[in-house]
Amino acid sequence: IFTLSQDLLCIRGIDDIIQFFNPAFSRVFGYTDDELLTKPLSHFLHPNDKETQKQRVDKEQKKFPILPYSARYQ
């Protein structure tokens, strides 16, 4: 289901590096697999969402529960 989904799905590590992503990422954004696996997820964030994402990562590192959220990527 993960690989067949039309939604953009990924798993990222605490270091913000994408560990796994579904084919929708490459199809929608046009990035190669190497680009997606070697750059932090925050690299692809819309500039206006970077501060919010940084706050979420800070909370994760402090072991606070994270609620589902959405962000814009480019």
C-alpha atoms as a PDB file:
ATOM      1  CA  ILE A   1       0.000   0.000   0.000  1.00  0.00           C
ATOM      2  CA  PHE A   2       2.877   2.353   0.862  1.00  0.00           C
ATOM      3  CA  THR A   3       4.436   2.069  -2.590  1.00  0.00           C
ATOM      4  CA  LEU A   4       1.126   2.119  -4.457  1.00  0.00           C
ATOM      5  CA  SER A   5      -0.279   5.194  -2.723  1.00  0.00           C
ATOM      6  CA  GLN A   6      -0.724   8.355  -4.763  1.00  0.00           C
ATOM      7  CA  ASP A   7      -0.077  10.355  -1.576  1.00  0.00           C
ATOM      8  CA  LEU A   8       3.465  11.479  -0.819  1.00  0.00           C
ATOM      9  CA  LEU A   9       4.704   9.207   1.953  1.00  0.00           C
ATOM     10  CA  CYS A  10       8.126   8.963   3.497  1.00  0.00           C
ATOM     11  CA  ILE A  11       9.941   7.802   6.579  1.00  0.00           C
ATOM     12  CA  ARG A  12      12.663  10.058   7.876  1.00  0.00           C
ATOM     13  CA  GLY A  13      15.237   9.566  10.570  1.00  0.00           C
ATOM     14  CA  ILE A  14      15.743  11.784  13.580  1.00  0.00           C
ATOM     15  CA  ASP A  15      18.654  13.273  11.601  1.00  0.00           C
ATOM     16  CA  ASP A  16      16.061  14.575   9.076  1.00  0.00           C
ATOM     17  CA  ILE A  17      17.413  12.333   6.298  1.00  0.00           C
ATOM     18  CA  ILE A  18      14.771  10.498   4.285  1.00  0.00           C
ATOM     19  CA  GLN A  19      15.131   6.760   4.925  1.00  0.00           C
ATOM     20  CA  PHE A  20      12.437   5.541   2.543  1.00  0.00           C
ATOM     21  CA  PHE A  21       9.894   7.164   0.244  1.00  0.00           C
ATOM     22  CA  ASN A  22       7.208   6.013  -2.092  1.00  0.00           C
ATOM     23  CA  PRO A  23       7.340   6.517  -5.890  1.00  0.00           C
ATOM     24  CA  ALA A  24       4.916   9.459  -5.683  1.00  0.00           C
ATOM     25  CA  PHE A  25       7.797  11.649  -4.401  1.00  0.00           C
ATOM     26  CA  SER A  26       9.855  11.202  -7.548  1.00  0.00           C
ATOM     27  CA  ARG A  27       6.843  11.439  -9.809  1.00  0.00           C
ATOM     28  CA  VAL A  28       5.486  14.665  -8.280  1.00  0.00           C
ATOM     29  CA  PHE A  29       8.739  16.507  -7.631  1.00  0.00           C
ATOM     30  CA  GLY A  30      10.957  15.042 -10.336  1.00  0.00           C
ATOM     31  CA  TYR A  31      13.885  14.379  -7.971  1.00  0.00           C
ATOM     32  CA  THR A  32      16.084  11.329  -8.432  1.00  0.00           C
ATOM     33  CA  ASP A  33      16.268   8.640  -5.759  1.00  0.00           C
ATOM     34  CA  ASP A  34      19.810   9.772  -4.895  1.00  0.00           C
ATOM     35  CA  GLU A  35      18.692  13.379  -4.397  1.00  0.00           C
ATOM     36  CA  LEU A  36      15.910  12.303  -2.061  1.00  0.00           C
ATOM     37  CA  LEU A  37      18.080   9.924  -0.041  1.00  0.00           C
ATOM     38  CA  THR A  38      21.083  12.212   0.422  1.00  0.00           C
ATOM     39  CA  LYS A  39      19.488  15.509   1.428  1.00  0.00           C
ATOM     40  CA  PRO A  40      17.566  16.296   4.598  1.00  0.00           C
ATOM     41  CA  LEU A  41      13.807  16.469   4.252  1.00  0.00           C
ATOM     42  CA  SER A  42      14.001  20.100   5.352  1.00  0.00           C
ATOM     43  CA  HIS A  43      15.978  20.840   2.166  1.00  0.00           C
ATOM     44  CA  PHE A  44      12.769  20.315   0.188  1.00  0.00           C
ATOM     45  CA  LEU A  45      10.536  22.410   2.472  1.00  0.00           C
ATOM     46  CA  HIS A  46       8.869  25.576   1.298  1.00  0.00           C
ATOM     47  CA  PRO A  47      10.842  28.493   2.836  1.00  0.00           C
ATOM     48  CA  ASN A  48       7.809  29.698   4.808  1.00  0.00           C
ATOM     49  CA  ASP A  49       7.496  26.312   6.558  1.00  0.00           C
ATOM     50  CA  LYS A  50      11.139  25.887   7.642  1.00  0.00           C
ATOM     51  CA  GLU A  51      10.792  27.473  11.102  1.00  0.00           C
ATOM     52  CA  THR A  52       7.711  25.393  11.955  1.00  0.00           C
ATOM     53  CA  GLN A  53       9.521  22.238  10.874  1.00  0.00           C
ATOM     54  CA  LYS A  54      12.568  23.153  12.966  1.00  0.00           C
ATOM     55  CA  GLN A  55      10.318  23.510  16.025  1.00  0.00           C
ATOM     56  CA  ARG A  56       8.778  20.083  15.361  1.00  0.00           C
ATOM     57  CA  VAL A  57      12.201  18.435  15.047  1.00  0.00           C
ATOM     58  CA  ASP A  58      13.304  20.113  18.294  1.00  0.00           C
ATOM     59  CA  LYS A  59      10.250  18.648  20.050  1.00  0.00           C
ATOM     60  CA  GLU A  60      10.944  15.193  18.609  1.00  0.00           C
ATOM     61  CA  GLN A  61      14.500  15.292  19.903  1.00  0.00           C
ATOM     62  CA  LYS A  62      13.157  16.145  23.373  1.00  0.00           C
ATOM     63  CA  LYS A  63      10.775  13.144  23.141  1.00  0.00           C
ATOM     64  CA  PHE A  64       7.581  15.207  23.034  1.00  0.00           C
ATOM     65  CA  PRO A  65       4.697  13.508  21.241  1.00  0.00           C
ATOM     66  CA  ILE A  66       4.202  14.848  17.728  1.00  0.00           C
ATOM     67  CA  LEU A  67       0.743  15.193  16.273  1.00  0.00           C
ATOM     68  CA  PRO A  68       0.197  14.656  12.550  1.00  0.00           C
ATOM     69  CA  TYR A  69       0.856  17.744  10.483  1.00  0.00           C
ATOM     70  CA  SER A  70       1.250  18.903   6.915  1.00  0.00           C
ATOM     71  CA  ALA A  71       3.877  21.066   5.276  1.00  0.00           C
ATOM     72  CA  ARG A  72       4.555  22.417   1.831  1.00  0.00           C
ATOM     73  CA  TYR A  73       7.445  20.992  -0.154  1.00  0.00           C
ATOM     74  CA  GLN A  74       9.068  22.124  -3.352  1.00  0.00           C
END
